[in-house]
Amino acid sequence: MDKPRPRRTRDTVFAVDPERARQLLAAEREQVERELAAVEREGPEEGEFDAGRAQDLKERLAAIERAEARLADGTYGLSIKSGAPIPDERLEANPTAELTVEEQGPGAP
C-alpha cells in the first residue's frame, strides 16, 4: 500500500488529514480534561502525587493547545525544530508530537 502523500492547501503542506488531526486532538483534550477534573475533585488530601499528576495533565493540555494552534496555522504534522514531516503513524500514536522520533531522541513517545 502506498504511503499517503502530503496534501497542499494554499502554501501549506499537510502530511496528515486536517480533519483526522482535529478528531485526534479533540479526543486527547477530552481525556485530559476528564482526568484533570477527577484529580481536582479528589482535593489536596492526596498530596504530592496528585499535585504532580495535575501538573502533568496541565502540561499535556498545553501541548494540545500548541498542536491546535499549529493545525490552525497549517504547520501541524511538521517538526517545530526542522520543518520535516512527522509520520502519520507517530501523530496517530501521539497527536501532540512536535518533533520527529529522530529529533526527540531515545524513548520518544
N, C-alpha and C. Protein backbone atom coordinates (compact mmCIF):
# COMPACT_ATOMS: atom_id res chain seq x y z
N MET A 1 0.84 -1.18 0.00
CA MET A 1 0.00 0.00 0.00
C MET A 1 0.89 1.24 0.00
N ASP A 2 0.57 2.19 -0.85
CA ASP A 2 1.34 3.43 -0.94
C ASP A 2 1.11 4.31 0.27
N LYS A 3 2.17 4.99 0.67
CA LYS A 3 2.07 5.94 1.78
C LYS A 3 1.31 7.16 1.30
N PRO A 4 0.39 7.72 2.12
CA PRO A 4 -0.34 8.90 1.70
C PRO A 4 0.62 10.05 1.44
N ARG A 5 0.36 10.78 0.40
CA ARG A 5 1.18 11.93 0.05
C ARG A 5 0.70 13.15 0.81
N PRO A 6 1.63 14.03 1.15
CA PRO A 6 1.20 15.29 1.78
C PRO A 6 0.27 16.05 0.84
N ARG A 7 -0.75 16.67 1.40
CA ARG A 7 -1.67 17.48 0.61
C ARG A 7 -1.29 18.94 0.76
N ARG A 8 -1.49 19.69 -0.29
CA ARG A 8 -1.15 21.10 -0.27
C ARG A 8 -2.44 21.92 -0.25
N THR A 9 -2.51 22.81 0.72
CA THR A 9 -3.63 23.74 0.83
C THR A 9 -3.01 25.13 0.83
N ARG A 10 -3.30 25.91 -0.17
CA ARG A 10 -2.63 27.18 -0.38
C ARG A 10 -1.13 26.92 -0.41
N ASP A 11 -0.38 27.49 0.53
CA ASP A 11 1.06 27.27 0.56
C ASP A 11 1.47 26.33 1.68
N THR A 12 0.51 25.59 2.21
CA THR A 12 0.77 24.75 3.36
C THR A 12 0.74 23.28 2.96
N VAL A 13 1.69 22.51 3.46
CA VAL A 13 1.72 21.07 3.20
C VAL A 13 1.18 20.37 4.44
N PHE A 14 0.16 19.53 4.24
CA PHE A 14 -0.38 18.72 5.32
C PHE A 14 0.05 17.28 5.11
N ALA A 15 0.80 16.74 6.06
CA ALA A 15 1.20 15.34 5.99
C ALA A 15 0.08 14.45 6.51
N VAL A 16 -0.80 15.01 7.30
CA VAL A 16 -1.91 14.27 7.90
C VAL A 16 -3.20 15.01 7.53
N ASP A 17 -4.27 14.26 7.39
CA ASP A 17 -5.56 14.86 7.07
C ASP A 17 -5.97 15.81 8.20
N PRO A 18 -6.23 17.08 7.91
CA PRO A 18 -6.59 18.03 8.97
C PRO A 18 -7.81 17.61 9.78
N GLU A 19 -8.79 17.01 9.15
CA GLU A 19 -9.98 16.58 9.89
C GLU A 19 -9.63 15.46 10.86
N ARG A 20 -8.78 14.54 10.43
CA ARG A 20 -8.34 13.45 11.32
C ARG A 20 -7.54 14.03 12.49
N ALA A 21 -6.71 15.02 12.21
CA ALA A 21 -5.93 15.67 13.27
C ALA A 21 -6.87 16.32 14.29
N ARG A 22 -7.93 16.98 13.82
CA ARG A 22 -8.90 17.59 14.74
C ARG A 22 -9.54 16.54 15.63
N GLN A 23 -9.89 15.40 15.03
CA GLN A 23 -10.51 14.31 15.80
C GLN A 23 -9.55 13.79 16.86
N LEU A 24 -8.30 13.56 16.48
CA LEU A 24 -7.31 13.05 17.43
C LEU A 24 -7.09 14.02 18.57
N LEU A 25 -6.97 15.29 18.23
CA LEU A 25 -6.73 16.31 19.26
C LEU A 25 -7.94 16.49 20.17
N ALA A 26 -9.13 16.43 19.59
CA ALA A 26 -10.35 16.56 20.40
C ALA A 26 -10.47 15.39 21.38
N ALA A 27 -10.16 14.18 20.92
CA ALA A 27 -10.22 13.01 21.80
C ALA A 27 -9.18 13.12 22.90
N GLU A 28 -7.99 13.59 22.55
CA GLU A 28 -6.93 13.76 23.55
C GLU A 28 -7.33 14.82 24.58
N ARG A 29 -7.90 15.94 24.11
CA ARG A 29 -8.34 17.01 25.01
C ARG A 29 -9.41 16.50 25.96
N GLU A 30 -10.38 15.77 25.44
CA GLU A 30 -11.47 15.25 26.27
C GLU A 30 -10.92 14.34 27.38
N GLN A 31 -10.01 13.46 27.02
CA GLN A 31 -9.43 12.55 28.00
C GLN A 31 -8.65 13.30 29.08
N VAL A 32 -7.82 14.25 28.67
CA VAL A 32 -7.01 15.01 29.62
C VAL A 32 -7.91 15.85 30.53
N GLU A 33 -8.90 16.52 29.97
CA GLU A 33 -9.80 17.34 30.79
C GLU A 33 -10.58 16.49 31.80
N ARG A 34 -10.99 15.29 31.39
CA ARG A 34 -11.71 14.38 32.30
C ARG A 34 -10.79 13.94 33.44
N GLU A 35 -9.55 13.56 33.11
CA GLU A 35 -8.60 13.14 34.14
C GLU A 35 -8.25 14.29 35.08
N LEU A 36 -8.08 15.48 34.54
CA LEU A 36 -7.75 16.65 35.35
C LEU A 36 -8.90 16.97 36.30
N ALA A 37 -10.13 16.91 35.81
CA ALA A 37 -11.29 17.17 36.67
C ALA A 37 -11.36 16.15 37.80
N ALA A 38 -11.06 14.89 37.51
CA ALA A 38 -11.09 13.85 38.55
C ALA A 38 -10.03 14.11 39.62
N VAL A 39 -8.83 14.50 39.20
CA VAL A 39 -7.76 14.80 40.16
C VAL A 39 -8.15 16.00 41.01
N GLU A 40 -8.71 17.02 40.40
CA GLU A 40 -9.09 18.23 41.13
C GLU A 40 -10.27 17.97 42.08
N ARG A 41 -11.18 17.06 41.72
CA ARG A 41 -12.31 16.71 42.59
C ARG A 41 -11.84 16.00 43.85
N GLU A 42 -10.77 15.21 43.72
CA GLU A 42 -10.27 14.45 44.86
C GLU A 42 -9.69 15.36 45.93
N GLY A 43 -9.27 16.54 45.56
CA GLY A 43 -8.78 17.50 46.53
C GLY A 43 -7.33 17.30 46.93
N PRO A 44 -6.84 18.19 47.77
CA PRO A 44 -5.42 18.19 48.13
C PRO A 44 -4.99 17.10 49.11
N GLU A 45 -5.94 16.37 49.68
CA GLU A 45 -5.56 15.38 50.69
C GLU A 45 -4.71 14.24 50.12
N GLU A 46 -4.67 14.07 48.83
CA GLU A 46 -3.86 13.01 48.23
C GLU A 46 -2.39 13.39 48.15
N GLY A 47 -2.07 14.66 48.35
CA GLY A 47 -0.68 15.08 48.49
C GLY A 47 0.08 15.28 47.20
N GLU A 48 1.38 15.00 47.29
CA GLU A 48 2.31 15.29 46.20
C GLU A 48 1.98 14.55 44.92
N PHE A 49 1.53 13.30 45.05
CA PHE A 49 1.24 12.52 43.85
C PHE A 49 0.21 13.22 42.98
N ASP A 50 -0.90 13.63 43.57
CA ASP A 50 -1.94 14.30 42.80
C ASP A 50 -1.49 15.66 42.29
N ALA A 51 -0.68 16.35 43.06
CA ALA A 51 -0.16 17.64 42.60
C ALA A 51 0.71 17.42 41.36
N GLY A 52 1.54 16.39 41.39
CA GLY A 52 2.37 16.07 40.24
C GLY A 52 1.53 15.61 39.06
N ARG A 53 0.52 14.81 39.34
CA ARG A 53 -0.38 14.32 38.28
C ARG A 53 -1.13 15.50 37.64
N ALA A 54 -1.62 16.42 38.45
CA ALA A 54 -2.33 17.59 37.92
C ALA A 54 -1.38 18.42 37.05
N GLN A 55 -0.14 18.59 37.48
CA GLN A 55 0.84 19.35 36.68
C GLN A 55 1.11 18.66 35.35
N ASP A 56 1.27 17.34 35.37
CA ASP A 56 1.48 16.58 34.12
C ASP A 56 0.30 16.77 33.17
N LEU A 57 -0.91 16.71 33.71
CA LEU A 57 -2.11 16.86 32.87
C LEU A 57 -2.20 18.28 32.31
N LYS A 58 -1.84 19.28 33.10
CA LYS A 58 -1.84 20.66 32.59
C LYS A 58 -0.81 20.84 31.48
N GLU A 59 0.33 20.16 31.60
CA GLU A 59 1.34 20.22 30.54
C GLU A 59 0.84 19.53 29.27
N ARG A 60 0.12 18.42 29.44
CA ARG A 60 -0.47 17.75 28.26
C ARG A 60 -1.51 18.65 27.61
N LEU A 61 -2.30 19.35 28.42
CA LEU A 61 -3.31 20.27 27.88
C LEU A 61 -2.64 21.40 27.11
N ALA A 62 -1.53 21.91 27.63
CA ALA A 62 -0.78 22.96 26.92
C ALA A 62 -0.24 22.43 25.59
N ALA A 63 0.21 21.18 25.58
CA ALA A 63 0.71 20.57 24.34
C ALA A 63 -0.42 20.44 23.32
N ILE A 64 -1.61 20.11 23.79
CA ILE A 64 -2.77 20.02 22.89
C ILE A 64 -3.07 21.39 22.31
N GLU A 65 -3.03 22.42 23.14
CA GLU A 65 -3.30 23.78 22.65
C GLU A 65 -2.26 24.21 21.62
N ARG A 66 -0.99 23.85 21.84
CA ARG A 66 0.05 24.18 20.84
C ARG A 66 -0.21 23.43 19.53
N ALA A 67 -0.62 22.16 19.63
CA ALA A 67 -0.92 21.37 18.43
C ALA A 67 -2.12 21.96 17.68
N GLU A 68 -3.13 22.38 18.42
CA GLU A 68 -4.30 23.00 17.78
C GLU A 68 -3.90 24.30 17.08
N ALA A 69 -3.00 25.05 17.68
CA ALA A 69 -2.52 26.30 17.06
C ALA A 69 -1.74 25.98 15.77
N ARG A 70 -0.91 24.92 15.81
CA ARG A 70 -0.18 24.53 14.60
C ARG A 70 -1.15 24.08 13.51
N LEU A 71 -2.21 23.39 13.91
CA LEU A 71 -3.21 22.95 12.93
C LEU A 71 -3.86 24.17 12.28
N ALA A 72 -4.21 25.16 13.10
CA ALA A 72 -4.83 26.39 12.57
C ALA A 72 -3.86 27.16 11.67
N ASP A 73 -2.56 27.11 12.01
CA ASP A 73 -1.53 27.81 11.22
C ASP A 73 -1.12 27.05 9.98
N GLY A 74 -1.52 25.78 9.89
CA GLY A 74 -1.14 24.97 8.74
C GLY A 74 0.21 24.30 8.89
N THR A 75 0.74 24.23 10.11
CA THR A 75 2.05 23.60 10.31
C THR A 75 1.96 22.31 11.12
N TYR A 76 0.75 21.87 11.44
CA TYR A 76 0.59 20.61 12.17
C TYR A 76 1.16 19.48 11.32
N GLY A 77 1.89 18.58 11.98
CA GLY A 77 2.47 17.44 11.26
C GLY A 77 3.87 17.73 10.76
N LEU A 78 4.36 18.94 11.05
CA LEU A 78 5.73 19.30 10.68
C LEU A 78 6.51 19.58 11.96
N SER A 79 7.75 19.14 12.00
CA SER A 79 8.59 19.35 13.17
C SER A 79 8.76 20.83 13.44
N ILE A 80 8.65 21.21 14.72
CA ILE A 80 8.86 22.62 15.09
C ILE A 80 10.34 22.97 15.05
N LYS A 81 11.19 21.95 15.03
CA LYS A 81 12.64 22.17 15.00
C LYS A 81 13.17 22.30 13.58
N SER A 82 12.80 21.33 12.73
CA SER A 82 13.39 21.27 11.39
C SER A 82 12.41 21.52 10.26
N GLY A 83 11.12 21.42 10.56
CA GLY A 83 10.11 21.54 9.50
C GLY A 83 9.90 20.25 8.74
N ALA A 84 10.60 19.18 9.14
CA ALA A 84 10.44 17.88 8.49
C ALA A 84 9.07 17.29 8.82
N PRO A 85 8.49 16.57 7.90
CA PRO A 85 7.19 15.95 8.18
C PRO A 85 7.31 14.90 9.30
N ILE A 86 6.33 14.91 10.18
CA ILE A 86 6.23 13.90 11.23
C ILE A 86 5.33 12.80 10.67
N PRO A 87 5.80 11.54 10.66
CA PRO A 87 4.99 10.47 10.07
C PRO A 87 3.60 10.37 10.69
N ASP A 88 2.63 10.06 9.84
CA ASP A 88 1.24 9.90 10.29
C ASP A 88 1.13 8.90 11.43
N GLU A 89 1.92 7.83 11.38
CA GLU A 89 1.86 6.80 12.42
C GLU A 89 2.23 7.41 13.78
N ARG A 90 3.20 8.29 13.80
CA ARG A 90 3.59 8.95 15.05
C ARG A 90 2.49 9.86 15.55
N LEU A 91 1.87 10.60 14.63
CA LEU A 91 0.79 11.51 15.01
C LEU A 91 -0.44 10.75 15.48
N GLU A 92 -0.68 9.58 14.91
CA GLU A 92 -1.81 8.76 15.39
C GLU A 92 -1.55 8.32 16.82
N ALA A 93 -0.30 7.95 17.13
CA ALA A 93 0.05 7.48 18.47
C ALA A 93 0.19 8.63 19.46
N ASN A 94 0.68 9.77 18.97
CA ASN A 94 0.93 10.93 19.82
C ASN A 94 0.53 12.19 19.04
N PRO A 95 -0.76 12.56 19.09
CA PRO A 95 -1.26 13.67 18.27
C PRO A 95 -0.60 15.02 18.57
N THR A 96 0.06 15.13 19.72
CA THR A 96 0.70 16.41 20.07
C THR A 96 2.19 16.43 19.74
N ALA A 97 2.68 15.41 19.04
CA ALA A 97 4.11 15.34 18.71
C ALA A 97 4.56 16.62 18.01
N GLU A 98 5.67 17.17 18.50
CA GLU A 98 6.22 18.39 17.92
C GLU A 98 7.50 18.13 17.14
N LEU A 99 8.08 16.96 17.35
CA LEU A 99 9.34 16.61 16.71
C LEU A 99 9.24 15.22 16.08
N THR A 100 10.13 14.94 15.14
CA THR A 100 10.22 13.58 14.61
C THR A 100 10.85 12.69 15.69
N VAL A 101 10.76 11.40 15.55
CA VAL A 101 11.35 10.47 16.52
C VAL A 101 12.84 10.71 16.60
N GLU A 102 13.48 10.91 15.45
CA GLU A 102 14.93 11.13 15.43
C GLU A 102 15.32 12.38 16.20
N GLU A 103 14.53 13.42 16.08
CA GLU A 103 14.82 14.68 16.79
C GLU A 103 14.52 14.56 18.29
N GLN A 104 13.51 13.77 18.63
CA GLN A 104 13.11 13.59 20.02
C GLN A 104 14.15 12.81 20.79
N GLY A 105 14.75 11.83 20.13
CA GLY A 105 15.79 11.03 20.79
C GLY A 105 15.24 9.75 21.37
N PRO A 106 16.08 9.01 22.11
CA PRO A 106 15.68 7.73 22.67
C PRO A 106 14.48 7.86 23.62
N GLY A 107 13.63 6.86 23.57
CA GLY A 107 12.47 6.83 24.47
C GLY A 107 11.36 7.78 24.07
N ALA A 108 11.38 8.27 22.82
CA ALA A 108 10.36 9.22 22.37
C ALA A 108 9.00 8.55 22.32
N PRO A 109 7.96 9.26 22.80
CA PRO A 109 6.60 8.71 22.71
C PRO A 109 6.04 8.82 21.31
